[in-house]
Amino acid sequence: MKKILIIDDEPDLCFLLKAYLNIKHHEVVIANSLADGLNKIKSFHPDVLFLDNNLPDGHGWDRACEISDNFPGIKINLMTGQPDIHLEPCELEFCVIEKPLSYSKVDMSLN
């Protein structure tokens, strides 16, 4: 069982992803803003993070390298609905998952 944090502002995506991961016996917490997500990283200590880029209070990907530096044990998965987005050098270390998500991509991103 892994502890998984989803930071995304799309309620339907969060609901479906959480339901799928719960079926797989993972503990899942959701944050719908960047600020809430950063606080939950500190309190929940996830093993895996699904991080959206366009959030109501900022760009999640802008904080990915900082999260990785401060919490090196977290596996970070960057989610996007824009497949042609430019990645910074640090972001190349992370798994990028295009929306709409597929369960096979989600499963691969947990390893």
N, C-alpha and C. Protein backbone atom coordinates (compact mmCIF):
# COMPACT_ATOMS: atom_id res chain seq x y z
N MET A 1 0.84 -1.19 0.00
CA MET A 1 0.00 0.00 0.00
C MET A 1 0.88 1.24 0.00
N LYS A 2 0.56 2.17 -0.88
CA LYS A 2 1.29 3.43 -0.96
C LYS A 2 0.39 4.57 -0.52
N LYS A 3 1.04 5.61 -0.03
CA LYS A 3 0.34 6.85 0.31
C LYS A 3 0.47 7.76 -0.90
N ILE A 4 -0.66 8.20 -1.43
CA ILE A 4 -0.68 8.96 -2.68
C ILE A 4 -1.41 10.28 -2.47
N LEU A 5 -0.78 11.35 -2.96
CA LEU A 5 -1.39 12.68 -2.93
C LEU A 5 -1.66 13.12 -4.36
N ILE A 6 -2.89 13.58 -4.60
CA ILE A 6 -3.28 14.12 -5.90
C ILE A 6 -3.49 15.62 -5.71
N ILE A 7 -2.75 16.43 -6.47
CA ILE A 7 -2.96 17.88 -6.45
C ILE A 7 -3.50 18.26 -7.82
N ASP A 8 -4.80 18.50 -7.88
CA ASP A 8 -5.47 18.82 -9.13
C ASP A 8 -6.78 19.52 -8.80
N ASP A 9 -7.19 20.46 -9.64
CA ASP A 9 -8.41 21.21 -9.38
C ASP A 9 -9.62 20.69 -10.15
N GLU A 10 -9.49 19.55 -10.83
CA GLU A 10 -10.62 18.95 -11.54
C GLU A 10 -11.27 17.89 -10.65
N PRO A 11 -12.42 18.21 -10.05
CA PRO A 11 -13.06 17.28 -9.09
C PRO A 11 -13.34 15.90 -9.67
N ASP A 12 -13.81 15.83 -10.92
CA ASP A 12 -14.14 14.53 -11.51
C ASP A 12 -12.89 13.66 -11.66
N LEU A 13 -11.81 14.25 -12.16
CA LEU A 13 -10.57 13.51 -12.30
C LEU A 13 -10.08 13.01 -10.95
N CYS A 14 -10.11 13.88 -9.96
CA CYS A 14 -9.67 13.49 -8.61
C CYS A 14 -10.51 12.35 -8.06
N PHE A 15 -11.82 12.44 -8.22
CA PHE A 15 -12.72 11.41 -7.73
C PHE A 15 -12.43 10.06 -8.38
N LEU A 16 -12.31 10.05 -9.72
CA LEU A 16 -12.07 8.81 -10.44
C LEU A 16 -10.70 8.22 -10.12
N LEU A 17 -9.68 9.06 -10.06
CA LEU A 17 -8.34 8.58 -9.76
C LEU A 17 -8.26 8.04 -8.33
N LYS A 18 -8.88 8.75 -7.40
CA LYS A 18 -8.89 8.27 -6.01
C LYS A 18 -9.63 6.94 -5.89
N ALA A 19 -10.78 6.83 -6.55
CA ALA A 19 -11.55 5.58 -6.49
C ALA A 19 -10.73 4.43 -7.06
N TYR A 20 -10.07 4.64 -8.18
CA TYR A 20 -9.25 3.59 -8.78
C TYR A 20 -8.11 3.19 -7.86
N LEU A 21 -7.43 4.16 -7.29
CA LEU A 21 -6.29 3.86 -6.42
C LEU A 21 -6.73 3.22 -5.10
N ASN A 22 -7.91 3.58 -4.61
CA ASN A 22 -8.45 2.93 -3.40
C ASN A 22 -8.74 1.46 -3.66
N ILE A 23 -9.25 1.15 -4.85
CA ILE A 23 -9.49 -0.25 -5.22
C ILE A 23 -8.19 -1.04 -5.18
N LYS A 24 -7.09 -0.37 -5.52
CA LYS A 24 -5.76 -1.00 -5.50
C LYS A 24 -5.15 -0.98 -4.09
N HIS A 25 -5.94 -0.56 -3.10
CA HIS A 25 -5.57 -0.57 -1.68
C HIS A 25 -4.52 0.48 -1.32
N HIS A 26 -4.54 1.61 -2.02
CA HIS A 26 -3.65 2.71 -1.68
C HIS A 26 -4.42 3.73 -0.85
N GLU A 27 -3.70 4.43 0.01
CA GLU A 27 -4.29 5.51 0.79
C GLU A 27 -4.13 6.80 -0.03
N VAL A 28 -5.23 7.48 -0.31
CA VAL A 28 -5.20 8.63 -1.21
C VAL A 28 -5.78 9.87 -0.54
N VAL A 29 -5.08 10.98 -0.71
CA VAL A 29 -5.53 12.28 -0.24
C VAL A 29 -5.54 13.22 -1.44
N ILE A 30 -6.52 14.14 -1.46
CA ILE A 30 -6.67 15.07 -2.57
C ILE A 30 -6.51 16.50 -2.08
N ALA A 31 -5.84 17.32 -2.90
CA ALA A 31 -5.76 18.76 -2.67
C ALA A 31 -6.17 19.43 -3.98
N ASN A 32 -7.01 20.46 -3.90
CA ASN A 32 -7.50 21.12 -5.10
C ASN A 32 -6.80 22.44 -5.39
N SER A 33 -5.77 22.75 -4.60
CA SER A 33 -4.97 23.96 -4.86
C SER A 33 -3.52 23.64 -4.54
N LEU A 34 -2.64 24.46 -5.06
CA LEU A 34 -1.21 24.27 -4.82
C LEU A 34 -0.86 24.47 -3.35
N ALA A 35 -1.41 25.52 -2.75
CA ALA A 35 -1.12 25.80 -1.33
C ALA A 35 -1.57 24.65 -0.44
N ASP A 36 -2.78 24.15 -0.67
CA ASP A 36 -3.30 23.03 0.12
C ASP A 36 -2.44 21.79 -0.11
N GLY A 37 -2.06 21.56 -1.35
CA GLY A 37 -1.22 20.40 -1.66
C GLY A 37 0.14 20.44 -0.99
N LEU A 38 0.76 21.61 -0.99
CA LEU A 38 2.08 21.74 -0.34
C LEU A 38 1.97 21.49 1.17
N ASN A 39 0.88 21.95 1.77
CA ASN A 39 0.66 21.67 3.19
C ASN A 39 0.43 20.18 3.44
N LYS A 40 -0.30 19.53 2.54
CA LYS A 40 -0.58 18.10 2.71
C LYS A 40 0.66 17.25 2.50
N ILE A 41 1.58 17.70 1.67
CA ILE A 41 2.85 16.97 1.53
C ILE A 41 3.54 16.90 2.89
N LYS A 42 3.56 18.01 3.59
CA LYS A 42 4.23 18.09 4.90
C LYS A 42 3.53 17.24 5.96
N SER A 43 2.21 17.18 5.91
CA SER A 43 1.48 16.46 6.96
C SER A 43 1.21 15.00 6.61
N PHE A 44 1.03 14.69 5.34
CA PHE A 44 0.64 13.34 4.90
C PHE A 44 1.85 12.47 4.54
N HIS A 45 2.93 13.09 4.10
CA HIS A 45 4.16 12.39 3.70
C HIS A 45 3.89 11.30 2.66
N PRO A 46 3.42 11.71 1.46
CA PRO A 46 3.07 10.71 0.44
C PRO A 46 4.29 10.01 -0.15
N ASP A 47 4.07 8.81 -0.65
CA ASP A 47 5.09 8.09 -1.41
C ASP A 47 5.07 8.52 -2.87
N VAL A 48 3.86 8.85 -3.35
CA VAL A 48 3.65 9.21 -4.75
C VAL A 48 2.82 10.49 -4.81
N LEU A 49 3.19 11.36 -5.75
CA LEU A 49 2.47 12.61 -5.97
C LEU A 49 2.04 12.70 -7.43
N PHE A 50 0.76 12.98 -7.65
CA PHE A 50 0.25 13.33 -8.97
C PHE A 50 0.01 14.84 -8.94
N LEU A 51 0.78 15.59 -9.73
CA LEU A 51 0.79 17.05 -9.66
C LEU A 51 0.36 17.66 -10.99
N ASP A 52 -0.76 18.37 -10.97
CA ASP A 52 -1.23 19.07 -12.15
C ASP A 52 -0.44 20.37 -12.29
N ASN A 53 -0.40 20.90 -13.52
CA ASN A 53 0.34 22.14 -13.75
C ASN A 53 -0.52 23.37 -13.50
N ASN A 54 -1.66 23.45 -14.15
CA ASN A 54 -2.51 24.65 -14.06
C ASN A 54 -3.48 24.54 -12.90
N LEU A 55 -3.11 25.20 -11.81
CA LEU A 55 -3.94 25.19 -10.60
C LEU A 55 -4.43 26.60 -10.33
N PRO A 56 -5.49 26.77 -9.55
CA PRO A 56 -6.07 28.10 -9.33
C PRO A 56 -5.09 29.10 -8.71
N ASP A 57 -4.13 28.59 -7.95
CA ASP A 57 -3.21 29.50 -7.26
C ASP A 57 -1.75 29.37 -7.73
N GLY A 58 -1.55 28.84 -8.93
CA GLY A 58 -0.19 28.78 -9.45
C GLY A 58 0.03 27.57 -10.34
N HIS A 59 1.26 27.46 -10.82
CA HIS A 59 1.66 26.34 -11.67
C HIS A 59 2.35 25.29 -10.83
N GLY A 60 1.73 24.13 -10.74
CA GLY A 60 2.28 23.05 -9.92
C GLY A 60 3.67 22.63 -10.35
N TRP A 61 3.89 22.60 -11.67
CA TRP A 61 5.19 22.14 -12.16
C TRP A 61 6.32 23.06 -11.74
N ASP A 62 6.01 24.34 -11.50
CA ASP A 62 7.04 25.29 -11.04
C ASP A 62 7.58 24.91 -9.67
N ARG A 63 6.83 24.11 -8.94
CA ARG A 63 7.24 23.72 -7.59
C ARG A 63 7.77 22.29 -7.51
N ALA A 64 7.75 21.56 -8.63
CA ALA A 64 8.14 20.14 -8.64
C ALA A 64 9.58 19.93 -8.19
N CYS A 65 10.50 20.74 -8.69
CA CYS A 65 11.91 20.57 -8.32
C CYS A 65 12.12 20.87 -6.84
N GLU A 66 11.44 21.89 -6.35
CA GLU A 66 11.52 22.24 -4.92
C GLU A 66 10.97 21.10 -4.06
N ILE A 67 9.85 20.53 -4.47
CA ILE A 67 9.26 19.40 -3.74
C ILE A 67 10.24 18.23 -3.73
N SER A 68 10.82 17.95 -4.88
CA SER A 68 11.78 16.85 -4.98
C SER A 68 13.00 17.07 -4.09
N ASP A 69 13.49 18.30 -4.04
CA ASP A 69 14.65 18.63 -3.20
C ASP A 69 14.32 18.50 -1.72
N ASN A 70 13.14 18.98 -1.32
CA ASN A 70 12.76 18.98 0.10
C ASN A 70 12.22 17.64 0.59
N PHE A 71 11.69 16.84 -0.34
CA PHE A 71 11.10 15.54 0.01
C PHE A 71 11.58 14.52 -1.01
N PRO A 72 12.86 14.12 -0.94
CA PRO A 72 13.45 13.28 -2.00
C PRO A 72 12.83 11.89 -2.14
N GLY A 73 12.08 11.43 -1.19
CA GLY A 73 11.49 10.10 -1.28
C GLY A 73 10.20 10.04 -2.10
N ILE A 74 9.65 11.19 -2.49
CA ILE A 74 8.38 11.22 -3.21
C ILE A 74 8.62 10.98 -4.70
N LYS A 75 7.85 10.05 -5.26
CA LYS A 75 7.86 9.84 -6.71
C LYS A 75 6.86 10.84 -7.29
N ILE A 76 7.35 11.74 -8.14
CA ILE A 76 6.51 12.81 -8.67
C ILE A 76 6.08 12.51 -10.10
N ASN A 77 4.77 12.58 -10.31
CA ASN A 77 4.17 12.41 -11.63
C ASN A 77 3.52 13.73 -12.02
N LEU A 78 3.98 14.32 -13.11
CA LEU A 78 3.43 15.58 -13.59
C LEU A 78 2.28 15.28 -14.55
N MET A 79 1.12 15.90 -14.32
CA MET A 79 -0.04 15.67 -15.18
C MET A 79 -0.29 16.92 -16.02
N THR A 80 -0.69 16.70 -17.28
CA THR A 80 -0.97 17.83 -18.15
C THR A 80 -2.02 17.48 -19.20
N GLY A 81 -2.79 18.47 -19.57
CA GLY A 81 -3.70 18.35 -20.69
C GLY A 81 -3.12 18.99 -21.93
N GLN A 82 -1.87 19.48 -21.82
CA GLN A 82 -1.18 20.13 -22.93
C GLN A 82 0.05 19.31 -23.30
N PRO A 83 -0.06 18.39 -24.26
CA PRO A 83 1.04 17.46 -24.55
C PRO A 83 2.31 18.11 -25.07
N ASP A 84 2.23 19.31 -25.62
CA ASP A 84 3.42 19.95 -26.19
C ASP A 84 4.09 20.92 -25.24
N ILE A 85 3.88 20.77 -23.96
CA ILE A 85 4.43 21.70 -22.97
C ILE A 85 5.95 21.53 -22.87
N HIS A 86 6.65 22.64 -22.67
CA HIS A 86 8.11 22.63 -22.53
C HIS A 86 8.48 22.25 -21.09
N LEU A 87 9.43 21.35 -20.97
CA LEU A 87 9.89 20.92 -19.65
C LEU A 87 11.23 21.55 -19.30
N GLU A 88 11.35 21.99 -18.07
CA GLU A 88 12.63 22.48 -17.56
C GLU A 88 13.52 21.27 -17.29
N PRO A 89 14.86 21.47 -17.23
CA PRO A 89 15.76 20.32 -17.02
C PRO A 89 15.42 19.47 -15.80
N CYS A 90 15.08 20.10 -14.69
CA CYS A 90 14.74 19.33 -13.48
C CYS A 90 13.49 18.49 -13.70
N GLU A 91 12.54 19.02 -14.46
CA GLU A 91 11.27 18.32 -14.67
C GLU A 91 11.44 17.06 -15.52
N LEU A 92 12.53 16.95 -16.24
CA LEU A 92 12.77 15.77 -17.06
C LEU A 92 12.97 14.52 -16.21
N GLU A 93 13.26 14.72 -14.92
CA GLU A 93 13.46 13.60 -14.00
C GLU A 93 12.14 12.93 -13.63
N PHE A 94 11.02 13.60 -13.90
CA PHE A 94 9.72 13.12 -13.45
C PHE A 94 8.96 12.45 -14.59
N CYS A 95 8.00 11.63 -14.21
CA CYS A 95 7.10 11.01 -15.17
C CYS A 95 6.05 12.05 -15.57
N VAL A 96 5.81 12.21 -16.87
CA VAL A 96 4.78 13.12 -17.36
C VAL A 96 3.63 12.27 -17.90
N ILE A 97 2.45 12.53 -17.39
CA ILE A 97 1.26 11.78 -17.79
C ILE A 97 0.28 12.75 -18.45
N GLU A 98 -0.11 12.44 -19.67
CA GLU A 98 -1.05 13.29 -20.39
C GLU A 98 -2.49 12.95 -19.99
N LYS A 99 -3.29 13.99 -19.89
CA LYS A 99 -4.72 13.83 -19.67
C LYS A 99 -5.39 13.70 -21.02
N PRO A 100 -6.44 12.93 -21.16
CA PRO A 100 -7.07 12.14 -20.10
C PRO A 100 -6.18 10.97 -19.69
N LEU A 101 -6.20 10.69 -18.39
CA LEU A 101 -5.39 9.62 -17.84
C LEU A 101 -5.93 8.26 -18.24
N SER A 102 -5.01 7.32 -18.40
CA SER A 102 -5.42 5.93 -18.59
C SER A 102 -4.95 5.16 -17.36
N TYR A 103 -5.70 4.13 -17.01
CA TYR A 103 -5.33 3.35 -15.83
C TYR A 103 -3.98 2.67 -16.01
N SER A 104 -3.64 2.28 -17.23
CA SER A 104 -2.33 1.64 -17.44
C SER A 104 -1.21 2.63 -17.18
N LYS A 105 -1.38 3.91 -17.57
CA LYS A 105 -0.37 4.92 -17.29
C LYS A 105 -0.26 5.18 -15.79
N VAL A 106 -1.39 5.19 -15.13
CA VAL A 106 -1.40 5.39 -13.68
C VAL A 106 -0.65 4.24 -13.01
N ASP A 107 -0.94 3.01 -13.40
CA ASP A 107 -0.27 1.85 -12.82
C ASP A 107 1.25 1.94 -13.03
N MET A 108 1.67 2.30 -14.24
CA MET A 108 3.11 2.41 -14.53
C MET A 108 3.76 3.51 -13.71
N SER A 109 3.02 4.57 -13.43
CA SER A 109 3.59 5.70 -12.69
C SER A 109 3.78 5.42 -11.21
N LEU A 110 3.23 4.32 -10.73
CA LEU A 110 3.37 3.97 -9.31
C LEU A 110 4.66 3.20 -9.03
N ASN A 111 5.28 2.66 -10.05
CA ASN A 111 6.49 1.84 -9.87
C ASN A 111 7.74 2.69 -9.78
